[in-house]
Amino acid sequence: MKIKKGYVLRTVAEQHLVVPTGEEGVNFNGIITLNNSGKLLFETLQKGAEPSELVELLMETYDVDKATANDDVKTFIETLKTKNILAS
C-alpha cells in the first residue's frame, strides 16, 4: 500500500496536516489533521508498507497490544480509502 502522489505531510504550529497538491488539490477539498501515530503511519505508507508492517510499527513505537494496533491500522486505512488517498 502506498499514498497517492499529490498528498504531502506538513507540520504547522505542531499540527500534522495532509495537504493535497496539484490536481489532487482540485479533487480533494480540504486538509486532514493527524495525531502522532497517524503521522507515523502516513509517513510509512508514503514509502510503501503492508498493514502487518504498520501493526508491528505501532506495537513497537507505542507499546500497545496487537489487537489495539490492528484495529487502529484498519481504521486508518479505511479512512484513507474513503478519502481516496491510497494508490491503487
C-alpha atoms as a PDB file:
ATOM      1  CA  MET A   1       0.000   0.000   0.000  1.00  0.00           C
ATOM      2  CA  LYS A   2       1.144   3.472  -0.735  1.00  0.00           C
ATOM      3  CA  ILE A   3      -0.121   7.044  -0.525  1.00  0.00           C
ATOM      4  CA  LYS A   4      -1.123   8.547  -3.880  1.00  0.00           C
ATOM      5  CA  LYS A   5       1.103  11.168  -5.428  1.00  0.00           C
ATOM      6  CA  GLY A   6      -0.228  14.630  -4.768  1.00  0.00           C
ATOM      7  CA  TYR A   7      -0.563  14.375  -0.976  1.00  0.00           C
ATOM      8  CA  VAL A   8       2.110  15.810   1.306  1.00  0.00           C
ATOM      9  CA  LEU A   9       2.516  15.809   5.056  1.00  0.00           C
ATOM     10  CA  ARG A  10       3.349  19.114   6.700  1.00  0.00           C
ATOM     11  CA  THR A  11       3.676  20.160  10.329  1.00  0.00           C
ATOM     12  CA  VAL A  12       2.362  23.641  11.061  1.00  0.00           C
ATOM     13  CA  ALA A  13       2.117  25.019  14.608  1.00  0.00           C
ATOM     14  CA  GLU A  14       2.602  21.488  15.991  1.00  0.00           C
ATOM     15  CA  GLN A  15      -0.310  20.175  13.870  1.00  0.00           C
ATOM     16  CA  HIS A  16       0.373  17.360  11.378  1.00  0.00           C
ATOM     17  CA  LEU A  17      -1.550  18.094   8.175  1.00  0.00           C
ATOM     18  CA  VAL A  18      -2.085  16.101   4.987  1.00  0.00           C
ATOM     19  CA  VAL A  19      -2.373  18.625   2.187  1.00  0.00           C
ATOM     20  CA  PRO A  20      -3.402  17.837  -1.389  1.00  0.00           C
ATOM     21  CA  THR A  21      -1.281  19.401  -4.141  1.00  0.00           C
ATOM     22  CA  GLY A  22      -1.651  19.820  -7.877  1.00  0.00           C
ATOM     23  CA  GLU A  23      -4.642  18.074  -9.413  1.00  0.00           C
ATOM     24  CA  GLU A  24      -5.404  16.320  -6.127  1.00  0.00           C
ATOM     25  CA  GLY A  25      -5.953  19.776  -4.642  1.00  0.00           C
ATOM     26  CA  VAL A  26      -8.770  20.271  -7.126  1.00  0.00           C
ATOM     27  CA  ASN A  27     -10.300  16.838  -6.476  1.00  0.00           C
ATOM     28  CA  PHE A  28      -9.891  16.840  -2.691  1.00  0.00           C
ATOM     29  CA  ASN A  29     -11.359  19.849  -0.958  1.00  0.00           C
ATOM     30  CA  GLY A  30      -9.729  20.360   2.446  1.00  0.00           C
ATOM     31  CA  ILE A  31      -6.928  19.010   4.601  1.00  0.00           C
ATOM     32  CA  ILE A  32      -6.618  16.176   7.111  1.00  0.00           C
ATOM     33  CA  THR A  33      -5.170  16.625  10.590  1.00  0.00           C
ATOM     34  CA  LEU A  34      -3.248  13.675  12.055  1.00  0.00           C
ATOM     35  CA  ASN A  35      -2.125  12.832  15.566  1.00  0.00           C
ATOM     36  CA  ASN A  36       1.395  11.479  16.166  1.00  0.00           C
ATOM     37  CA  SER A  37       0.503   7.862  15.416  1.00  0.00           C
ATOM     38  CA  GLY A  38      -1.363   8.920  12.262  1.00  0.00           C
ATOM     39  CA  LYS A  39       1.703  10.883  11.176  1.00  0.00           C
ATOM     40  CA  LEU A  40       3.887   7.821  11.698  1.00  0.00           C
ATOM     41  CA  LEU A  41       1.530   5.605   9.697  1.00  0.00           C
ATOM     42  CA  PHE A  42       1.205   8.179   6.892  1.00  0.00           C
ATOM     43  CA  GLU A  43       4.994   8.586   6.608  1.00  0.00           C
ATOM     44  CA  THR A  44       5.421   4.823   6.472  1.00  0.00           C
ATOM     45  CA  LEU A  45       2.727   4.483   3.814  1.00  0.00           C
ATOM     46  CA  GLN A  46       4.447   7.152   1.715  1.00  0.00           C
ATOM     47  CA  LYS A  47       7.339   4.693   1.383  1.00  0.00           C
ATOM     48  CA  GLY A  48       5.024   1.732   0.831  1.00  0.00           C
ATOM     49  CA  ALA A  49       4.035  -0.708   3.557  1.00  0.00           C
ATOM     50  CA  GLU A  50       1.677  -3.573   4.211  1.00  0.00           C
ATOM     51  CA  PRO A  51      -0.886  -3.419   7.026  1.00  0.00           C
ATOM     52  CA  SER A  52       1.027  -6.050   9.011  1.00  0.00           C
ATOM     53  CA  GLU A  53       4.113  -3.806   8.960  1.00  0.00           C
ATOM     54  CA  LEU A  54       2.038  -0.886  10.243  1.00  0.00           C
ATOM     55  CA  VAL A  55       0.665  -3.032  13.082  1.00  0.00           C
ATOM     56  CA  GLU A  56       4.192  -4.044  14.103  1.00  0.00           C
ATOM     57  CA  LEU A  57       5.326  -0.415  13.940  1.00  0.00           C
ATOM     58  CA  LEU A  58       2.543   0.736  16.268  1.00  0.00           C
ATOM     59  CA  MET A  59       3.224  -2.117  18.687  1.00  0.00           C
ATOM     60  CA  GLU A  60       6.937  -1.258  18.847  1.00  0.00           C
ATOM     61  CA  THR A  61       6.544   2.525  18.968  1.00  0.00           C
ATOM     62  CA  TYR A  62       3.614   2.846  21.367  1.00  0.00           C
ATOM     63  CA  ASP A  63       3.811  -0.417  23.340  1.00  0.00           C
ATOM     64  CA  VAL A  64       0.232  -1.408  22.526  1.00  0.00           C
ATOM     65  CA  ASP A  65      -1.138  -4.912  22.130  1.00  0.00           C
ATOM     66  CA  LYS A  66      -1.646  -6.463  18.708  1.00  0.00           C
ATOM     67  CA  ALA A  67      -5.454  -6.223  18.778  1.00  0.00           C
ATOM     68  CA  THR A  68      -5.366  -2.495  19.506  1.00  0.00           C
ATOM     69  CA  ALA A  69      -2.704  -1.835  16.873  1.00  0.00           C
ATOM     70  CA  ASN A  70      -4.618  -3.927  14.324  1.00  0.00           C
ATOM     71  CA  ASP A  71      -7.867  -2.022  14.990  1.00  0.00           C
ATOM     72  CA  ASP A  72      -6.075   1.328  14.714  1.00  0.00           C
ATOM     73  CA  VAL A  73      -4.389   0.406  11.430  1.00  0.00           C
ATOM     74  CA  LYS A  74      -7.636  -0.944   9.992  1.00  0.00           C
ATOM     75  CA  THR A  75      -9.480   2.283  10.901  1.00  0.00           C
ATOM     76  CA  PHE A  76      -6.678   4.465   9.497  1.00  0.00           C
ATOM     77  CA  ILE A  77      -6.530   2.572   6.205  1.00  0.00           C
ATOM     78  CA  GLU A  78     -10.319   2.629   5.827  1.00  0.00           C
ATOM     79  CA  THR A  79     -10.295   6.403   6.358  1.00  0.00           C
ATOM     80  CA  LEU A  80      -7.619   6.847   3.692  1.00  0.00           C
ATOM     81  CA  LYS A  81      -9.573   4.622   1.295  1.00  0.00           C
ATOM     82  CA  THR A  82     -12.762   6.606   1.929  1.00  0.00           C
ATOM     83  CA  LYS A  83     -10.878   9.829   1.150  1.00  0.00           C
ATOM     84  CA  ASN A  84      -9.304   8.175  -1.941  1.00  0.00           C
ATOM     85  CA  ILE A  85      -5.762   8.901  -0.728  1.00  0.00           C
ATOM     86  CA  LEU A  86      -4.311   5.410  -1.226  1.00  0.00           C
ATOM     87  CA  ALA A  87      -2.787   4.483  -4.575  1.00  0.00           C
ATOM     88  CA  SER A  88      -4.490   1.647  -6.412  1.00  0.00           C
END
